[in-house]
Amino acid sequence: MYEEGFVKVTGGRVWYEVYNKEAEGTPVIILHGGPGSSTYSLKGLKALGKDRPVVMYDQLGCGKSDRPNDLSLWKIERFVEELGQVREALELKEVHILGHSWGTTLAAAYVLTKPIGVKSVIFSSPCLSAPMWEEDQKHNIAKLPVEVQETILRCEESGETDSEEFKAAIKEFNEQFVFRGEPDLEWLKAGAGMKNPVVYETMWGPSEFTVKGNLKTFDCTSQLNEIDSPTLYTCGRYDEATPESTEFYAKLTPGAEFHVFEKSAHMPYMEEPEEYLQVIGDFLMKEDRQV
């Protein structure tokens, strides 16, 4: 059974969908990346619905959700509140949480408020420290051709992150560290309108590499030892969320598991979809069996 609709949250309404609502397993709620992206690229995760309900929602400001023109809404505390409001409205008393990229930032901030009923957490290509993310991207940029490195650094310093030159350099970065496959251009074009750059720039900044928004100081590494739900960390071998940082987070989290998708960058759910669904599905099934 499929269901979709809107939930009233602080600042407006968010659009949600539930796949296989009648399934017996504990629901998994998907937190998409961004900030200001959408569930658009994550639709393949509905395949997890063979064992459980799969809940997706577009965070306020993007996708099919309302897009209020109020910059004060774009802060992590409100997104944490929003997740609680979605859970309450959909009566998700027990839930697994799967966050991807910025969705892991949100997932961590949420579970550290100690909500009731979180059976497990999956951090997929995590960003749990903005300063560490910045450092990792410096190392990643250094692996690119010298002229690409110089373009990125020059455009960032001059503020020309809207230039065609910078976009071409970003394309090279993305092909190495974001998506190592053949992009479906029609699919990408259709998904572009789902994003809201205002949310991204307010919270993160004008580019992926230097955090200038209100997440600049976000770093929850000192609190990861407080996470008491079973936890799985995953990333791609070539991920901008590097295997080294992802494993570092895992080691700080009691009993956490860690998995690297060997042929992927930042989007293993699209680069290695079968293995991704297998690893995530097996983890969720194992936690459902725990009494």
C-alpha atoms as a PDB file:
ATOM      1  CA  MET A   1       0.000   0.000   0.000  1.00  0.00           C
ATOM      2  CA  TYR A   2       1.302   3.443  -1.000  1.00  0.00           C
ATOM      3  CA  GLU A   3       0.460   6.687   0.774  1.00  0.00           C
ATOM      4  CA  GLU A   4       1.476  10.276   0.238  1.00  0.00           C
ATOM      5  CA  GLY A   5       0.429  13.580   1.689  1.00  0.00           C
ATOM      6  CA  PHE A   6       1.507  16.607   3.690  1.00  0.00           C
ATOM      7  CA  VAL A   7       2.451  17.105   7.332  1.00  0.00           C
ATOM      8  CA  LYS A   8       2.241  20.488   9.054  1.00  0.00           C
ATOM      9  CA  VAL A   9       5.587  21.415  10.599  1.00  0.00           C
ATOM     10  CA  THR A  10       7.135  24.592  11.963  1.00  0.00           C
ATOM     11  CA  GLY A  11       7.265  26.990   9.021  1.00  0.00           C
ATOM     12  CA  GLY A  12       4.952  25.194   6.577  1.00  0.00           C
ATOM     13  CA  ARG A  13       4.028  21.774   5.198  1.00  0.00           C
ATOM     14  CA  VAL A  14       6.331  18.939   4.175  1.00  0.00           C
ATOM     15  CA  TRP A  15       5.432  16.332   1.598  1.00  0.00           C
ATOM     16  CA  TYR A  16       5.882  12.673   2.526  1.00  0.00           C
ATOM     17  CA  GLU A  17       5.367   9.245   0.982  1.00  0.00           C
ATOM     18  CA  VAL A  18       5.211   5.765   2.480  1.00  0.00           C
ATOM     19  CA  TYR A  19       5.968   2.620   0.497  1.00  0.00           C
ATOM     20  CA  ASN A  20       4.431  -0.692   1.636  1.00  0.00           C
ATOM     21  CA  LYS A  21       2.675   0.856   4.610  1.00  0.00           C
ATOM     22  CA  GLU A  22       1.179  -2.474   5.719  1.00  0.00           C
ATOM     23  CA  ALA A  23       4.498  -4.363   5.957  1.00  0.00           C
ATOM     24  CA  GLU A  24       5.323  -5.953   9.312  1.00  0.00           C
ATOM     25  CA  GLY A  25       8.915  -4.797   9.838  1.00  0.00           C
ATOM     26  CA  THR A  26       9.848  -1.651  11.735  1.00  0.00           C
ATOM     27  CA  PRO A  27       9.535   1.377   9.411  1.00  0.00           C
ATOM     28  CA  VAL A  28      12.693   3.059   8.140  1.00  0.00           C
ATOM     29  CA  ILE A  29      12.595   6.823   7.688  1.00  0.00           C
ATOM     30  CA  ILE A  30      14.956   8.272   5.070  1.00  0.00           C
ATOM     31  CA  LEU A  31      16.657  11.638   5.622  1.00  0.00           C
ATOM     32  CA  HIS A  32      17.903  13.093   2.347  1.00  0.00           C
ATOM     33  CA  GLY A  33      21.005  15.175   1.718  1.00  0.00           C
ATOM     34  CA  GLY A  34      21.557  18.811   0.987  1.00  0.00           C
ATOM     35  CA  PRO A  35      20.682  20.885   2.910  1.00  0.00           C
ATOM     36  CA  GLY A  36      17.984  21.873   0.461  1.00  0.00           C
ATOM     37  CA  SER A  37      18.072  18.774  -1.741  1.00  0.00           C
ATOM     38  CA  SER A  38      15.195  16.237  -1.798  1.00  0.00           C
ATOM     39  CA  THR A  39      14.296  12.552  -1.791  1.00  0.00           C
ATOM     40  CA  TYR A  40      14.474  12.594  -5.614  1.00  0.00           C
ATOM     41  CA  SER A  41      17.696  10.581  -5.982  1.00  0.00           C
ATOM     42  CA  LEU A  42      16.807   8.151  -3.181  1.00  0.00           C
ATOM     43  CA  LYS A  43      13.703   6.595  -4.725  1.00  0.00           C
ATOM     44  CA  GLY A  44      15.534   3.296  -5.262  1.00  0.00           C
ATOM     45  CA  LEU A  45      15.439   2.776  -1.495  1.00  0.00           C
ATOM     46  CA  LYS A  46      11.739   1.970  -1.784  1.00  0.00           C
ATOM     47  CA  ALA A  47      13.050  -1.557  -2.506  1.00  0.00           C
ATOM     48  CA  LEU A  48      13.655  -1.849   1.254  1.00  0.00           C
ATOM     49  CA  GLY A  49       9.847  -1.973   1.423  1.00  0.00           C
ATOM     50  CA  LYS A  50       9.813  -5.714   0.823  1.00  0.00           C
ATOM     51  CA  ASP A  51      10.425  -6.095   4.563  1.00  0.00           C
ATOM     52  CA  ARG A  52       9.065  -2.887   6.102  1.00  0.00           C
ATOM     53  CA  PRO A  53       7.374   0.453   5.448  1.00  0.00           C
ATOM     54  CA  VAL A  54       9.762   2.975   3.871  1.00  0.00           C
ATOM     55  CA  VAL A  55       9.037   6.587   4.773  1.00  0.00           C
ATOM     56  CA  MET A  56      10.505   9.464   2.780  1.00  0.00           C
ATOM     57  CA  TYR A  57       9.847  13.165   3.079  1.00  0.00           C
ATOM     58  CA  ASP A  58      11.170  16.290   1.406  1.00  0.00           C
ATOM     59  CA  GLN A  59      12.460  18.581   4.114  1.00  0.00           C
ATOM     60  CA  LEU A  60      10.872  22.010   4.290  1.00  0.00           C
ATOM     61  CA  GLY A  61      12.103  24.307   1.550  1.00  0.00           C
ATOM     62  CA  CYS A  62      12.753  21.717  -1.150  1.00  0.00           C
ATOM     63  CA  GLY A  63      11.240  18.975  -3.299  1.00  0.00           C
ATOM     64  CA  LYS A  64       7.452  18.931  -3.159  1.00  0.00           C
ATOM     65  CA  SER A  65       7.338  20.606   0.265  1.00  0.00           C
ATOM     66  CA  ASP A  66       6.500  24.250   0.928  1.00  0.00           C
ATOM     67  CA  ARG A  67       9.230  26.808   0.221  1.00  0.00           C
ATOM     68  CA  PRO A  68       8.721  29.654   2.676  1.00  0.00           C
ATOM     69  CA  ASN A  69      10.814  32.789   2.172  1.00  0.00           C
ATOM     70  CA  ASP A  70      12.140  33.009   5.734  1.00  0.00           C
ATOM     71  CA  LEU A  71      15.875  32.534   6.251  1.00  0.00           C
ATOM     72  CA  SER A  72      15.424  32.032  10.007  1.00  0.00           C
ATOM     73  CA  LEU A  73      13.890  28.603   9.275  1.00  0.00           C
ATOM     74  CA  TRP A  74      17.111  27.229   7.807  1.00  0.00           C
ATOM     75  CA  LYS A  75      18.863  26.018  10.945  1.00  0.00           C
ATOM     76  CA  ILE A  76      19.533  22.535  12.218  1.00  0.00           C
ATOM     77  CA  GLU A  77      17.405  22.890  15.348  1.00  0.00           C
ATOM     78  CA  ARG A  78      14.277  23.458  13.264  1.00  0.00           C
ATOM     79  CA  PHE A  79      15.047  20.453  11.044  1.00  0.00           C
ATOM     80  CA  VAL A  80      15.439  18.309  14.194  1.00  0.00           C
ATOM     81  CA  GLU A  81      12.054  19.594  15.380  1.00  0.00           C
ATOM     82  CA  GLU A  82      10.600  18.856  11.925  1.00  0.00           C
ATOM     83  CA  LEU A  83      11.696  15.223  12.058  1.00  0.00           C
ATOM     84  CA  GLY A  84       9.952  14.816  15.405  1.00  0.00           C
ATOM     85  CA  GLN A  85       6.803  16.414  13.974  1.00  0.00           C
ATOM     86  CA  VAL A  86       6.826  14.060  10.971  1.00  0.00           C
ATOM     87  CA  ARG A  87       7.238  11.030  13.256  1.00  0.00           C
ATOM     88  CA  GLU A  88       4.397  12.184  15.464  1.00  0.00           C
ATOM     89  CA  ALA A  89       2.025  12.943  12.588  1.00  0.00           C
ATOM     90  CA  LEU A  90       2.671   9.567  10.932  1.00  0.00           C
ATOM     91  CA  GLU A  91       2.535   7.729  14.286  1.00  0.00           C
ATOM     92  CA  LEU A  92       6.011   6.241  13.856  1.00  0.00           C
ATOM     93  CA  LYS A  93       6.452   5.060  17.418  1.00  0.00           C
ATOM     94  CA  GLU A  94       9.348   2.744  16.526  1.00  0.00           C
ATOM     95  CA  VAL A  95      11.596   3.546  13.605  1.00  0.00           C
ATOM     96  CA  HIS A  96      14.953   2.951  11.985  1.00  0.00           C
ATOM     97  CA  ILE A  97      16.623   6.134  10.709  1.00  0.00           C
ATOM     98  CA  LEU A  98      18.743   6.215   7.553  1.00  0.00           C
ATOM     99  CA  GLY A  99      20.434   9.516   6.818  1.00  0.00           C
ATOM    100  CA  HIS A 100      22.553  10.241   3.763  1.00  0.00           C
ATOM    101  CA  SER A 101      25.170  13.038   3.633  1.00  0.00           C
ATOM    102  CA  TRP A 102      23.548  16.119   5.294  1.00  0.00           C
ATOM    103  CA  GLY A 103      20.849  13.650   6.357  1.00  0.00           C
ATOM    104  CA  THR A 104      23.448  12.095   8.693  1.00  0.00           C
ATOM    105  CA  THR A 105      24.104  15.506  10.256  1.00  0.00           C
ATOM    106  CA  LEU A 106      20.384  15.772  10.923  1.00  0.00           C
ATOM    107  CA  ALA A 107      20.141  12.158  12.117  1.00  0.00           C
ATOM    108  CA  ALA A 108      22.974  12.636  14.609  1.00  0.00           C
ATOM    109  CA  ALA A 109      21.568  15.900  15.952  1.00  0.00           C
ATOM    110  CA  TYR A 110      18.177  14.218  16.317  1.00  0.00           C
ATOM    111  CA  VAL A 111      19.275  11.004  18.055  1.00  0.00           C
ATOM    112  CA  LEU A 112      21.462  13.010  20.441  1.00  0.00           C
ATOM    113  CA  THR A 113      18.240  14.586  21.788  1.00  0.00           C
ATOM    114  CA  LYS A 114      17.467  11.019  23.025  1.00  0.00           C
ATOM    115  CA  PRO A 115      14.088  10.471  21.326  1.00  0.00           C
ATOM    116  CA  ILE A 116      12.161   7.330  22.252  1.00  0.00           C
ATOM    117  CA  GLY A 117      11.731   4.467  19.797  1.00  0.00           C
ATOM    118  CA  VAL A 118      14.808   4.716  17.548  1.00  0.00           C
ATOM    119  CA  LYS A 119      15.712   1.059  16.902  1.00  0.00           C
ATOM    120  CA  SER A 120      18.816   1.805  14.838  1.00  0.00           C
ATOM    121  CA  VAL A 121      20.645   4.539  12.941  1.00  0.00           C
ATOM    122  CA  ILE A 122      22.421   4.309   9.588  1.00  0.00           C
ATOM    123  CA  PHE A 123      24.914   7.024   8.695  1.00  0.00           C
ATOM    124  CA  SER A 124      25.377   6.786   4.914  1.00  0.00           C
ATOM    125  CA  SER A 125      28.322   8.891   3.641  1.00  0.00           C
ATOM    126  CA  PRO A 126      28.337  10.921   6.858  1.00  0.00           C
ATOM    127  CA  CYS A 127      29.119  14.540   7.619  1.00  0.00           C
ATOM    128  CA  LEU A 128      29.343  14.709  11.406  1.00  0.00           C
ATOM    129  CA  SER A 129      31.973  17.437  11.604  1.00  0.00           C
ATOM    130  CA  ALA A 130      32.003  20.431   9.276  1.00  0.00           C
ATOM    131  CA  PRO A 131      35.673  21.215  10.058  1.00  0.00           C
ATOM    132  CA  MET A 132      36.677  17.608   9.258  1.00  0.00           C
ATOM    133  CA  TRP A 133      34.645  17.732   6.034  1.00  0.00           C
ATOM    134  CA  GLU A 134      36.528  20.858   4.962  1.00  0.00           C
ATOM    135  CA  GLU A 135      39.884  19.198   5.657  1.00  0.00           C
ATOM    136  CA  ASP A 136      38.875  16.075   3.745  1.00  0.00           C
ATOM    137  CA  GLN A 137      37.907  18.131   0.698  1.00  0.00           C
ATOM    138  CA  LYS A 138      41.308  19.843   0.718  1.00  0.00           C
ATOM    139  CA  HIS A 139      42.893  16.381   0.478  1.00  0.00           C
ATOM    140  CA  ASN A 140      40.429  15.349  -2.238  1.00  0.00           C
ATOM    141  CA  ILE A 141      41.025  18.494  -4.294  1.00  0.00           C
ATOM    142  CA  ALA A 142      44.771  17.811  -4.090  1.00  0.00           C
ATOM    143  CA  LYS A 143      44.173  14.556  -6.008  1.00  0.00           C
ATOM    144  CA  LEU A 144      42.773  16.422  -9.021  1.00  0.00           C
ATOM    145  CA  PRO A 145      44.805  17.822 -11.962  1.00  0.00           C
ATOM    146  CA  VAL A 146      46.758  20.940 -10.981  1.00  0.00           C
ATOM    147  CA  GLU A 147      44.759  23.251 -13.260  1.00  0.00           C
ATOM    148  CA  VAL A 148      41.490  22.051 -11.689  1.00  0.00           C
ATOM    149  CA  GLN A 149      42.893  22.615  -8.203  1.00  0.00           C
ATOM    150  CA  GLU A 150      43.964  26.129  -9.133  1.00  0.00           C
ATOM    151  CA  THR A 151      40.546  26.942 -10.603  1.00  0.00           C
ATOM    152  CA  ILE A 152      38.692  25.785  -7.502  1.00  0.00           C
ATOM    153  CA  LEU A 153      40.954  27.701  -5.118  1.00  0.00           C
ATOM    154  CA  ARG A 154      40.975  30.867  -7.245  1.00  0.00           C
ATOM    155  CA  CYS A 155      37.199  30.959  -7.730  1.00  0.00           C
ATOM    156  CA  GLU A 156      36.557  30.300  -4.053  1.00  0.00           C
ATOM    157  CA  GLU A 157      38.882  33.120  -3.022  1.00  0.00           C
ATOM    158  CA  SER A 158      37.402  35.579  -5.533  1.00  0.00           C
ATOM    159  CA  GLY A 159      33.807  34.531  -4.885  1.00  0.00           C
ATOM    160  CA  GLU A 160      33.314  33.454  -8.502  1.00  0.00           C
ATOM    161  CA  THR A 161      31.586  30.186  -7.601  1.00  0.00           C
ATOM    162  CA  ASP A 162      28.864  30.902 -10.182  1.00  0.00           C
ATOM    163  CA  SER A 163      31.353  31.047 -13.060  1.00  0.00           C
ATOM    164  CA  GLU A 164      31.398  28.506 -15.885  1.00  0.00           C
ATOM    165  CA  GLU A 165      35.050  27.833 -15.109  1.00  0.00           C
ATOM    166  CA  PHE A 166      34.215  26.858 -11.525  1.00  0.00           C
ATOM    167  CA  LYS A 167      31.296  24.694 -12.683  1.00  0.00           C
ATOM    168  CA  ALA A 168      33.623  22.811 -15.037  1.00  0.00           C
ATOM    169  CA  ALA A 169      36.072  22.204 -12.175  1.00  0.00           C
ATOM    170  CA  ILE A 170      33.241  21.019  -9.934  1.00  0.00           C
ATOM    171  CA  LYS A 171      32.200  18.580 -12.654  1.00  0.00           C
ATOM    172  CA  GLU A 172      35.666  17.011 -12.477  1.00  0.00           C
ATOM    173  CA  PHE A 173      35.500  16.840  -8.695  1.00  0.00           C
ATOM    174  CA  ASN A 174      32.040  15.262  -8.833  1.00  0.00           C
ATOM    175  CA  GLU A 175      33.162  12.605 -11.308  1.00  0.00           C
ATOM    176  CA  GLN A 176      35.834  11.498  -8.842  1.00  0.00           C
ATOM    177  CA  PHE A 177      34.222  11.927  -5.428  1.00  0.00           C
ATOM    178  CA  VAL A 178      30.437  12.203  -5.841  1.00  0.00           C
ATOM    179  CA  PHE A 179      29.171   9.895  -8.609  1.00  0.00           C
ATOM    180  CA  ARG A 180      31.476   7.563 -10.529  1.00  0.00           C
ATOM    181  CA  GLY A 181      29.019   6.472 -13.165  1.00  0.00           C
ATOM    182  CA  GLU A 182      27.402   7.635 -16.369  1.00  0.00           C
ATOM    183  CA  PRO A 183      24.924  10.345 -15.388  1.00  0.00           C
ATOM    184  CA  ASP A 184      21.449  10.238 -16.895  1.00  0.00           C
ATOM    185  CA  LEU A 185      21.245  13.828 -18.127  1.00  0.00           C
ATOM    186  CA  GLU A 186      17.453  13.832 -18.487  1.00  0.00           C
ATOM    187  CA  TRP A 187      17.125  12.466 -14.973  1.00  0.00           C
ATOM    188  CA  LEU A 188      19.512  15.100 -13.603  1.00  0.00           C
ATOM    189  CA  LYS A 189      17.639  17.853 -15.410  1.00  0.00           C
ATOM    190  CA  ALA A 190      14.327  16.697 -13.956  1.00  0.00           C
ATOM    191  CA  GLY A 191      15.786  16.615 -10.436  1.00  0.00           C
ATOM    192  CA  ALA A 192      17.455  20.027 -10.557  1.00  0.00           C
ATOM    193  CA  GLY A 193      14.200  21.839  -9.785  1.00  0.00           C
ATOM    194  CA  MET A 194      13.759  19.809  -6.618  1.00  0.00           C
ATOM    195  CA  LYS A 195      16.687  21.608  -4.952  1.00  0.00           C
ATOM    196  CA  ASN A 196      16.655  24.940  -3.143  1.00  0.00           C
ATOM    197  CA  PRO A 197      20.056  26.667  -3.275  1.00  0.00           C
ATOM    198  CA  VAL A 198      18.949  29.267  -0.718  1.00  0.00           C
ATOM    199  CA  VAL A 199      18.715  26.602   2.001  1.00  0.00           C
ATOM    200  CA  TYR A 200      22.086  25.172   0.990  1.00  0.00           C
ATOM    201  CA  GLU A 201      23.852  28.528   0.931  1.00  0.00           C
ATOM    202  CA  THR A 202      22.307  29.659   4.224  1.00  0.00           C
ATOM    203  CA  MET A 203      23.362  26.533   6.075  1.00  0.00           C
ATOM    204  CA  TRP A 204      26.482  25.421   4.190  1.00  0.00           C
ATOM    205  CA  GLY A 205      27.698  28.126   1.817  1.00  0.00           C
ATOM    206  CA  PRO A 206      28.299  28.806  -1.879  1.00  0.00           C
ATOM    207  CA  SER A 207      30.413  25.680  -2.445  1.00  0.00           C
ATOM    208  CA  GLU A 208      30.938  22.163  -1.147  1.00  0.00           C
ATOM    209  CA  PHE A 209      34.482  22.829  -0.001  1.00  0.00           C
ATOM    210  CA  THR A 210      34.369  25.757   2.407  1.00  0.00           C
ATOM    211  CA  VAL A 211      31.651  25.968   5.045  1.00  0.00           C
ATOM    212  CA  LYS A 212      30.522  29.574   5.432  1.00  0.00           C
ATOM    213  CA  GLY A 213      26.922  28.978   6.538  1.00  0.00           C
ATOM    214  CA  ASN A 214      25.455  28.352   9.979  1.00  0.00           C
ATOM    215  CA  LEU A 215      26.726  24.739  10.033  1.00  0.00           C
ATOM    216  CA  LYS A 216      30.308  26.032   9.998  1.00  0.00           C
ATOM    217  CA  THR A 217      31.027  24.965  13.581  1.00  0.00           C
ATOM    218  CA  PHE A 218      28.899  21.801  13.619  1.00  0.00           C
ATOM    219  CA  ASP A 219      30.870  18.943  15.136  1.00  0.00           C
ATOM    220  CA  CYS A 220      29.230  16.191  17.167  1.00  0.00           C
ATOM    221  CA  THR A 221      32.229  13.845  17.331  1.00  0.00           C
ATOM    222  CA  SER A 222      32.631  14.401  21.073  1.00  0.00           C
ATOM    223  CA  GLN A 223      29.051  13.129  21.585  1.00  0.00           C
ATOM    224  CA  LEU A 224      29.088  10.038  19.368  1.00  0.00           C
ATOM    225  CA  ASN A 225      29.813   7.900  22.430  1.00  0.00           C
ATOM    226  CA  GLU A 226      26.313   8.876  23.648  1.00  0.00           C
ATOM    227  CA  ILE A 227      24.518   7.140  20.768  1.00  0.00           C
ATOM    228  CA  ASP A 228      22.948   4.044  22.298  1.00  0.00           C
ATOM    229  CA  SER A 229      21.006   2.747  19.272  1.00  0.00           C
ATOM    230  CA  PRO A 230      22.658   0.086  17.080  1.00  0.00           C
ATOM    231  CA  THR A 231      24.554   2.008  14.417  1.00  0.00           C
ATOM    232  CA  LEU A 232      25.899   1.332  10.918  1.00  0.00           C
ATOM    233  CA  TYR A 233      28.300   3.641   9.089  1.00  0.00           C
ATOM    234  CA  THR A 234      28.775   3.303   5.329  1.00  0.00           C
ATOM    235  CA  CYS A 235      30.573   5.191   2.573  1.00  0.00           C
ATOM    236  CA  GLY A 236      32.108   4.688  -0.852  1.00  0.00           C
ATOM    237  CA  ARG A 237      35.800   3.955  -1.347  1.00  0.00           C
ATOM    238  CA  TYR A 238      36.141   7.232  -3.299  1.00  0.00           C
ATOM    239  CA  ASP A 239      33.581   9.165  -1.255  1.00  0.00           C
ATOM    240  CA  GLU A 240      33.956  12.839  -0.418  1.00  0.00           C
ATOM    241  CA  ALA A 241      32.820  11.527   2.977  1.00  0.00           C
ATOM    242  CA  THR A 242      36.126   9.691   3.181  1.00  0.00           C
ATOM    243  CA  PRO A 243      36.500   6.112   4.466  1.00  0.00           C
ATOM    244  CA  GLU A 244      39.055   7.396   6.983  1.00  0.00           C
ATOM    245  CA  SER A 245      36.655   9.910   8.552  1.00  0.00           C
ATOM    246  CA  THR A 246      33.717   7.521   8.362  1.00  0.00           C
ATOM    247  CA  GLU A 247      35.684   4.821  10.181  1.00  0.00           C
ATOM    248  CA  PHE A 248      36.834   7.414  12.734  1.00  0.00           C
ATOM    249  CA  TYR A 249      33.189   8.240  13.512  1.00  0.00           C
ATOM    250  CA  ALA A 250      32.353   4.537  13.757  1.00  0.00           C
ATOM    251  CA  LYS A 251      35.118   3.940  16.281  1.00  0.00           C
ATOM    252  CA  LEU A 252      33.718   6.716  18.460  1.00  0.00           C
ATOM    253  CA  THR A 253      30.257   5.119  18.483  1.00  0.00           C
ATOM    254  CA  PRO A 254      29.739   2.163  20.868  1.00  0.00           C
ATOM    255  CA  GLY A 255      29.363  -1.128  18.978  1.00  0.00           C
ATOM    256  CA  ALA A 256      29.002   0.555  15.584  1.00  0.00           C
ATOM    257  CA  GLU A 257      29.448  -1.366  12.335  1.00  0.00           C
ATOM    258  CA  PHE A 258      31.343   0.005   9.316  1.00  0.00           C
ATOM    259  CA  HIS A 259      31.093  -0.863   5.615  1.00  0.00           C
ATOM    260  CA  VAL A 260      32.836   0.523   2.517  1.00  0.00           C
ATOM    261  CA  PHE A 261      31.307   0.163  -0.958  1.00  0.00           C
ATOM    262  CA  GLU A 262      34.436  -0.500  -3.000  1.00  0.00           C
ATOM    263  CA  LYS A 263      33.265   0.811  -6.389  1.00  0.00           C
ATOM    264  CA  SER A 264      31.429   3.922  -5.210  1.00  0.00           C
ATOM    265  CA  ALA A 265      31.918   7.559  -4.426  1.00  0.00           C
ATOM    266  CA  HIS A 266      29.242   9.547  -2.553  1.00  0.00           C
ATOM    267  CA  MET A 267      26.165   7.844  -4.022  1.00  0.00           C
ATOM    268  CA  PRO A 268      26.571   4.075  -3.538  1.00  0.00           C
ATOM    269  CA  TYR A 269      22.788   3.671  -3.496  1.00  0.00           C
ATOM    270  CA  MET A 270      23.005   4.507  -7.227  1.00  0.00           C
ATOM    271  CA  GLU A 271      26.552   3.334  -8.020  1.00  0.00           C
ATOM    272  CA  GLU A 272      26.221  -0.110  -6.391  1.00  0.00           C
ATOM    273  CA  PRO A 273      22.473  -0.350  -5.753  1.00  0.00           C
ATOM    274  CA  GLU A 274      22.279  -4.116  -5.268  1.00  0.00           C
ATOM    275  CA  GLU A 275      25.051  -4.244  -2.671  1.00  0.00           C
ATOM    276  CA  TYR A 276      23.743  -1.107  -0.973  1.00  0.00           C
ATOM    277  CA  LEU A 277      20.259  -2.557  -0.573  1.00  0.00           C
ATOM    278  CA  GLN A 278      21.729  -5.871   0.605  1.00  0.00           C
ATOM    279  CA  VAL A 279      23.952  -4.291   3.277  1.00  0.00           C
ATOM    280  CA  ILE A 280      21.266  -1.899   4.526  1.00  0.00           C
ATOM    281  CA  GLY A 281      18.508  -4.524   4.348  1.00  0.00           C
ATOM    282  CA  ASP A 282      20.555  -7.138   6.242  1.00  0.00           C
ATOM    283  CA  PHE A 283      21.386  -4.638   8.991  1.00  0.00           C
ATOM    284  CA  LEU A 284      17.752  -3.597   9.395  1.00  0.00           C
ATOM    285  CA  MET A 285      16.546  -7.224   9.471  1.00  0.00           C
ATOM    286  CA  LYS A 286      19.151  -8.127  12.076  1.00  0.00           C
ATOM    287  CA  GLU A 287      18.053  -5.245  14.318  1.00  0.00           C
ATOM    288  CA  ASP A 288      14.381  -6.153  13.868  1.00  0.00           C
ATOM    289  CA  ARG A 289      15.167  -9.638  15.158  1.00  0.00           C
ATOM    290  CA  GLN A 290      16.777  -8.293  18.326  1.00  0.00           C
ATOM    291  CA  VAL A 291      14.462  -8.652  21.302  1.00  0.00           C
END
